[in-house]
C-alpha atoms as a PDB file:
ATOM      1  CA  UNK A   1     -39.776 -99.965  16.037  1.00  0.00           C
ATOM      2  CA  UNK A   2     -39.231 -98.974  12.734  1.00  0.00           C
ATOM      3  CA  UNK A   3     -34.991 -98.836  11.460  1.00  0.00           C
ATOM      4  CA  UNK A   4     -35.622 -94.864  11.076  1.00  0.00           C
ATOM      5  CA  UNK A   5     -36.361 -94.974  14.490  1.00  0.00           C
ATOM      6  CA  UNK A   6     -33.918 -96.995  16.115  1.00  0.00           C
ATOM      7  CA  UNK A   7     -31.161 -95.597  13.990  1.00  0.00           C
ATOM      8  CA  UNK A   8     -32.672 -92.208  15.841  1.00  0.00           C
ATOM      9  CA  UNK A   9     -32.557 -93.802  18.944  1.00  0.00           C
ATOM     10  CA  UNK A  10     -29.012 -95.156  18.724  1.00  0.00           C
ATOM     11  CA  UNK A  11     -27.337 -91.745  17.259  1.00  0.00           C
ATOM     12  CA  UNK A  12     -29.289 -90.181  20.178  1.00  0.00           C
ATOM     13  CA  UNK A  13     -27.572 -92.333  22.269  1.00  0.00           C
ATOM     14  CA  UNK A  14     -24.641 -92.030  20.922  1.00  0.00           C
ATOM     15  CA  UNK A  15     -24.777 -87.904  21.064  1.00  0.00           C
ATOM     16  CA  UNK A  16     -26.132 -88.070  24.357  1.00  0.00           C
ATOM     17  CA  UNK A  17     -23.030 -90.432  25.387  1.00  0.00           C
ATOM     18  CA  UNK A  18     -20.717 -88.286  24.083  1.00  0.00           C
ATOM     19  CA  UNK A  19     -21.780 -85.241  25.792  1.00  0.00           C
ATOM     20  CA  UNK A  20     -22.279 -86.801  29.543  1.00  0.00           C
ATOM     21  CA  UNK A  21     -18.770 -88.281  29.089  1.00  0.00           C
ATOM     22  CA  UNK A  22     -17.561 -84.997  28.226  1.00  0.00           C
ATOM     23  CA  UNK A  23     -16.524 -81.869  29.938  1.00  0.00           C
ATOM     24  CA  UNK A  24     -18.261 -81.194  33.366  1.00  0.00           C
ATOM     25  CA  UNK A  25     -17.865 -78.074  34.789  1.00  0.00           C
ATOM     26  CA  UNK A  26     -18.296 -76.566  38.825  1.00  0.00           C
ATOM     27  CA  UNK A  27     -18.761 -72.759  38.975  1.00  0.00           C
ATOM     28  CA  UNK A  28     -17.144 -73.329  42.475  1.00  0.00           C
ATOM     29  CA  UNK A  29     -13.178 -73.924  41.030  1.00  0.00           C
ATOM     30  CA  UNK A  30     -11.421 -71.505  39.235  1.00  0.00           C
ATOM     31  CA  UNK A  31      -9.230 -72.058  36.739  1.00  0.00           C
ATOM     32  CA  UNK A  32      -6.112 -71.028  35.136  1.00  0.00           C
ATOM     33  CA  UNK A  33      -5.657 -69.694  31.561  1.00  0.00           C
ATOM     34  CA  UNK A  34      -4.201 -73.007  30.531  1.00  0.00           C
ATOM     35  CA  UNK A  35      -6.549 -75.116  31.710  1.00  0.00           C
ATOM     36  CA  UNK A  36      -9.417 -72.755  29.770  1.00  0.00           C
ATOM     37  CA  UNK A  37      -8.178 -73.168  26.873  1.00  0.00           C
ATOM     38  CA  UNK A  38      -7.166 -76.677  26.846  1.00  0.00           C
ATOM     39  CA  UNK A  39     -10.920 -77.316  28.239  1.00  0.00           C
ATOM     40  CA  UNK A  40     -11.860 -74.958  24.883  1.00  0.00           C
ATOM     41  CA  UNK A  41     -10.301 -77.207  22.800  1.00  0.00           C
ATOM     42  CA  UNK A  42     -11.807 -80.199  24.873  1.00  0.00           C
ATOM     43  CA  UNK A  43     -14.871 -79.192  23.880  1.00  0.00           C
ATOM     44  CA  UNK A  44     -14.396 -77.718  19.999  1.00  0.00           C
ATOM     45  CA  UNK A  45     -13.139 -81.689  19.535  1.00  0.00           C
ATOM     46  CA  UNK A  46     -16.372 -83.317  21.423  1.00  0.00           C
ATOM     47  CA  UNK A  47     -19.154 -80.547  19.442  1.00  0.00           C
ATOM     48  CA  UNK A  48     -17.234 -81.608  16.355  1.00  0.00           C
ATOM     49  CA  UNK A  49     -17.700 -85.528  16.990  1.00  0.00           C
ATOM     50  CA  UNK A  50     -21.005 -84.981  18.091  1.00  0.00           C
ATOM     51  CA  UNK A  51     -22.004 -82.823  14.719  1.00  0.00           C
ATOM     52  CA  UNK A  52     -19.832 -85.822  12.696  1.00  0.00           C
ATOM     53  CA  UNK A  53     -21.835 -88.266  14.620  1.00  0.00           C
ATOM     54  CA  UNK A  54     -25.322 -86.450  12.990  1.00  0.00           C
ATOM     55  CA  UNK A  55     -24.020 -87.787   9.405  1.00  0.00           C
ATOM     56  CA  UNK A  56     -26.382 -90.643   9.900  1.00  0.00           C
ATOM     57  CA  UNK A  57     -29.519 -89.230  10.052  1.00  0.00           C
ATOM     58  CA  UNK A  58     -31.494 -87.865   7.345  1.00  0.00           C
ATOM     59  CA  UNK A  59     -34.256 -85.444   7.228  1.00  0.00           C
ATOM     60  CA  UNK A  60     -35.406 -83.557  10.335  1.00  0.00           C
ATOM     61  CA  UNK A  61     -34.104 -85.880  12.487  1.00  0.00           C
ATOM     62  CA  UNK A  62     -30.222 -84.913  10.971  1.00  0.00           C
ATOM     63  CA  UNK A  63     -31.054 -81.077  11.358  1.00  0.00           C
ATOM     64  CA  UNK A  64     -32.392 -81.596  15.429  1.00  0.00           C
ATOM     65  CA  UNK A  65     -28.957 -83.542  15.884  1.00  0.00           C
ATOM     66  CA  UNK A  66     -26.846 -80.800  14.556  1.00  0.00           C
ATOM     67  CA  UNK A  67     -28.698 -77.971  16.475  1.00  0.00           C
ATOM     68  CA  UNK A  68     -28.500 -80.295  19.584  1.00  0.00           C
ATOM     69  CA  UNK A  69     -24.736 -80.885  18.845  1.00  0.00           C
ATOM     70  CA  UNK A  70     -23.775 -77.163  18.028  1.00  0.00           C
ATOM     71  CA  UNK A  71     -25.907 -76.300  21.231  1.00  0.00           C
ATOM     72  CA  UNK A  72     -24.399 -78.792  24.204  1.00  0.00           C
ATOM     73  CA  UNK A  73     -21.318 -76.828  22.146  1.00  0.00           C
ATOM     74  CA  UNK A  74     -22.584 -73.453  23.267  1.00  0.00           C
ATOM     75  CA  UNK A  75     -23.790 -74.210  26.586  1.00  0.00           C
ATOM     76  CA  UNK A  76     -20.327 -76.139  27.548  1.00  0.00           C
ATOM     77  CA  UNK A  77     -18.461 -72.822  26.653  1.00  0.00           C
ATOM     78  CA  UNK A  78     -21.143 -70.539  28.575  1.00  0.00           C
ATOM     79  CA  UNK A  79     -20.426 -73.376  32.010  1.00  0.00           C
ATOM     80  CA  UNK A  80     -16.726 -73.093  31.180  1.00  0.00           C
ATOM     81  CA  UNK A  81     -17.064 -68.915  30.806  1.00  0.00           C
ATOM     82  CA  UNK A  82     -18.724 -69.141  34.420  1.00  0.00           C
ATOM     83  CA  UNK A  83     -15.662 -71.185  36.032  1.00  0.00           C
ATOM     84  CA  UNK A  84     -12.888 -69.055  34.093  1.00  0.00           C
ATOM     85  CA  UNK A  85     -14.825 -65.660  35.038  1.00  0.00           C
ATOM     86  CA  UNK A  86     -17.525 -66.860  38.253  1.00  0.00           C
ATOM     87  CA  UNK A  87     -20.048 -64.510  39.066  1.00  0.00           C
ATOM     88  CA  UNK A  88     -23.704 -63.771  38.508  1.00  0.00           C
ATOM     89  CA  UNK A  89     -23.175 -62.222  35.579  1.00  0.00           C
ATOM     90  CA  UNK A  90     -21.344 -65.190  33.943  1.00  0.00           C
ATOM     91  CA  UNK A  91     -24.315 -67.795  35.414  1.00  0.00           C
ATOM     92  CA  UNK A  92     -27.205 -65.361  33.792  1.00  0.00           C
ATOM     93  CA  UNK A  93     -25.274 -65.763  30.732  1.00  0.00           C
ATOM     94  CA  UNK A  94     -24.810 -69.152  30.912  1.00  0.00           C
ATOM     95  CA  UNK A  95     -28.981 -69.927  31.732  1.00  0.00           C
ATOM     96  CA  UNK A  96     -28.998 -67.357  28.450  1.00  0.00           C
ATOM     97  CA  UNK A  97     -27.280 -69.951  26.476  1.00  0.00           C
ATOM     98  CA  UNK A  98     -29.302 -72.548  28.008  1.00  0.00           C
ATOM     99  CA  UNK A  99     -32.339 -70.872  26.890  1.00  0.00           C
ATOM    100  CA  UNK A 100     -31.294 -69.870  23.238  1.00  0.00           C
ATOM    101  CA  UNK A 101     -30.023 -73.809  22.960  1.00  0.00           C
ATOM    102  CA  UNK A 102     -33.471 -75.604  24.101  1.00  0.00           C
ATOM    103  CA  UNK A 103     -35.656 -72.671  22.090  1.00  0.00           C
ATOM    104  CA  UNK A 104     -32.939 -73.728  18.879  1.00  0.00           C
ATOM    105  CA  UNK A 105     -33.975 -77.667  19.389  1.00  0.00           C
ATOM    106  CA  UNK A 106     -37.697 -76.802  19.682  1.00  0.00           C
ATOM    107  CA  UNK A 107     -37.577 -74.808  16.727  1.00  0.00           C
ATOM    108  CA  UNK A 108     -35.958 -77.287  14.755  1.00  0.00           C
ATOM    109  CA  UNK A 109     -38.358 -80.143  16.003  1.00  0.00           C
ATOM    110  CA  UNK A 110     -41.456 -77.821  15.240  1.00  0.00           C
ATOM    111  CA  UNK A 111     -40.365 -77.562  11.372  1.00  0.00           C
ATOM    112  CA  UNK A 112     -41.389 -81.611  11.084  1.00  0.00           C
ATOM    113  CA  UNK A 113     -45.117 -80.221  12.151  1.00  0.00           C
ATOM    114  CA  UNK A 114     -47.880 -78.784   9.553  1.00  0.00           C
ATOM    115  CA  UNK A 115     -49.768 -75.295   9.892  1.00  0.00           C
ATOM    116  CA  UNK A 116     -51.635 -74.777  13.126  1.00  0.00           C
ATOM    117  CA  UNK A 117     -49.390 -77.629  15.425  1.00  0.00           C
ATOM    118  CA  UNK A 118     -46.021 -75.810  13.645  1.00  0.00           C
ATOM    119  CA  UNK A 119     -47.895 -72.602  14.971  1.00  0.00           C
ATOM    120  CA  UNK A 120     -48.762 -73.955  18.669  1.00  0.00           C
ATOM    121  CA  UNK A 121     -45.190 -75.642  18.108  1.00  0.00           C
ATOM    122  CA  UNK A 122     -43.310 -72.294  17.866  1.00  0.00           C
ATOM    123  CA  UNK A 123     -45.279 -70.131  20.208  1.00  0.00           C
ATOM    124  CA  UNK A 124     -44.761 -72.734  22.766  1.00  0.00           C
ATOM    125  CA  UNK A 125     -41.029 -72.682  22.207  1.00  0.00           C
ATOM    126  CA  UNK A 126     -40.535 -68.676  22.296  1.00  0.00           C
ATOM    127  CA  UNK A 127     -42.978 -69.208  25.840  1.00  0.00           C
ATOM    128  CA  UNK A 128     -40.630 -71.679  27.254  1.00  0.00           C
ATOM    129  CA  UNK A 129     -37.692 -69.915  26.160  1.00  0.00           C
ATOM    130  CA  UNK A 130     -39.118 -65.942  27.624  1.00  0.00           C
ATOM    131  CA  UNK A 131     -39.711 -67.302  31.368  1.00  0.00           C
ATOM    132  CA  UNK A 132     -36.139 -69.339  31.073  1.00  0.00           C
ATOM    133  CA  UNK A 133     -34.641 -65.697  30.385  1.00  0.00           C
ATOM    134  CA  UNK A 134     -36.989 -63.989  32.861  1.00  0.00           C
ATOM    135  CA  UNK A 135     -36.087 -66.715  35.402  1.00  0.00           C
ATOM    136  CA  UNK A 136     -32.409 -66.003  34.523  1.00  0.00           C
ATOM    137  CA  UNK A 137     -32.440 -62.585  35.298  1.00  0.00           C
ATOM    138  CA  UNK A 138     -34.615 -62.738  38.647  1.00  0.00           C
ATOM    139  CA  UNK A 139     -31.690 -65.376  40.019  1.00  0.00           C
ATOM    140  CA  UNK A 140     -29.267 -63.081  39.486  1.00  0.00           C
ATOM    141  CA  UNK A 141     -31.057 -60.557  41.176  1.00  0.00           C
ATOM    142  CA  UNK A 142     -31.711 -62.940  44.370  1.00  0.00           C
ATOM    143  CA  UNK A 143     -27.528 -63.873  43.744  1.00  0.00           C
ATOM    144  CA  UNK A 144     -26.820 -60.113  43.816  1.00  0.00           C
ATOM    145  CA  UNK A 145     -28.798 -59.224  47.009  1.00  0.00           C
ATOM    146  CA  UNK A 146     -27.131 -62.478  48.749  1.00  0.00           C
ATOM    147  CA  UNK A 147     -24.207 -60.914  48.026  1.00  0.00           C
ATOM    148  CA  UNK A 148     -24.508 -57.243  48.785  1.00  0.00           C
ATOM    149  CA  UNK A 149     -26.077 -59.186  51.991  1.00  0.00           C
ATOM    150  CA  UNK A 150     -23.398 -61.027  53.038  1.00  0.00           C
ATOM    151  CA  UNK A 151     -20.559 -57.733  52.233  1.00  0.00           C
ATOM    152  CA  UNK A 152     -22.346 -55.943  54.563  1.00  0.00           C
ATOM    153  CA  UNK A 153     -22.674 -58.420  57.267  1.00  0.00           C
ATOM    154  CA  UNK A 154     -19.133 -59.007  56.970  1.00  0.00           C
ATOM    155  CA  UNK A 155     -18.440 -55.223  57.515  1.00  0.00           C
ATOM    156  CA  UNK A 156     -20.755 -55.062  60.153  1.00  0.00           C
ATOM    157  CA  UNK A 157     -18.891 -57.906  61.942  1.00  0.00           C
ATOM    158  CA  UNK A 158     -15.400 -56.065  61.144  1.00  0.00           C
ATOM    159  CA  UNK A 159     -16.764 -52.477  62.563  1.00  0.00           C
ATOM    160  CA  UNK A 160     -18.447 -54.817  65.948  1.00  0.00           C
ATOM    161  CA  UNK A 161     -14.644 -56.229  66.551  1.00  0.00           C
ATOM    162  CA  UNK A 162     -12.898 -53.045  65.495  1.00  0.00           C
ATOM    163  CA  UNK A 163     -14.849 -50.881  68.431  1.00  0.00           C
ATOM    164  CA  UNK A 164     -14.673 -54.087  71.057  1.00  0.00           C
ATOM    165  CA  UNK A 165     -12.545 -52.685  73.756  1.00  0.00           C
ATOM    166  CA  UNK A 166      -8.956 -54.769  73.566  1.00  0.00           C
ATOM    167  CA  UNK A 167      -8.766 -57.049  76.589  1.00  0.00           C
ATOM    168  CA  UNK A 168      -6.154 -55.933  79.198  1.00  0.00           C
ATOM    169  CA  UNK A 169      -3.211 -58.330  80.156  1.00  0.00           C
ATOM    170  CA  UNK A 170      -2.759 -58.777  84.309  1.00  0.00           C
END
């Protein structure tokens, strides 16, 4: 394995390690404004550290690393937003952010290729991004329909409970 390849893998492990050890958010728990701002600052600090770690690379590897670090920050902020303001729209926006980041990384990787391979790589990246966006839209519609169905079922249960005769006491 070449020394450049080793440096790339070590740097990639470093960037992914910082990202993996970083902030993980669950959309199931809401947070207050102070926790939201603190999490934003942590994300920005980790993003800055990841971008700084990319300085050890040269050429396209450095560009890919920087795009990946910026993308991680964008996705982490989108996930944070879904936790702060949960709902189908926030989930959709997080999925859009993921699609945009994946596209940016793929596009940057394509820059190392020439001619037809470059064109083919870019076309595949665009196709993958469009597919991810379409899927996010479909999932949002399905989630909204499930929420509506659940609300309708709750209303029906409440109506049945209100219409049922109250048991009389003896």
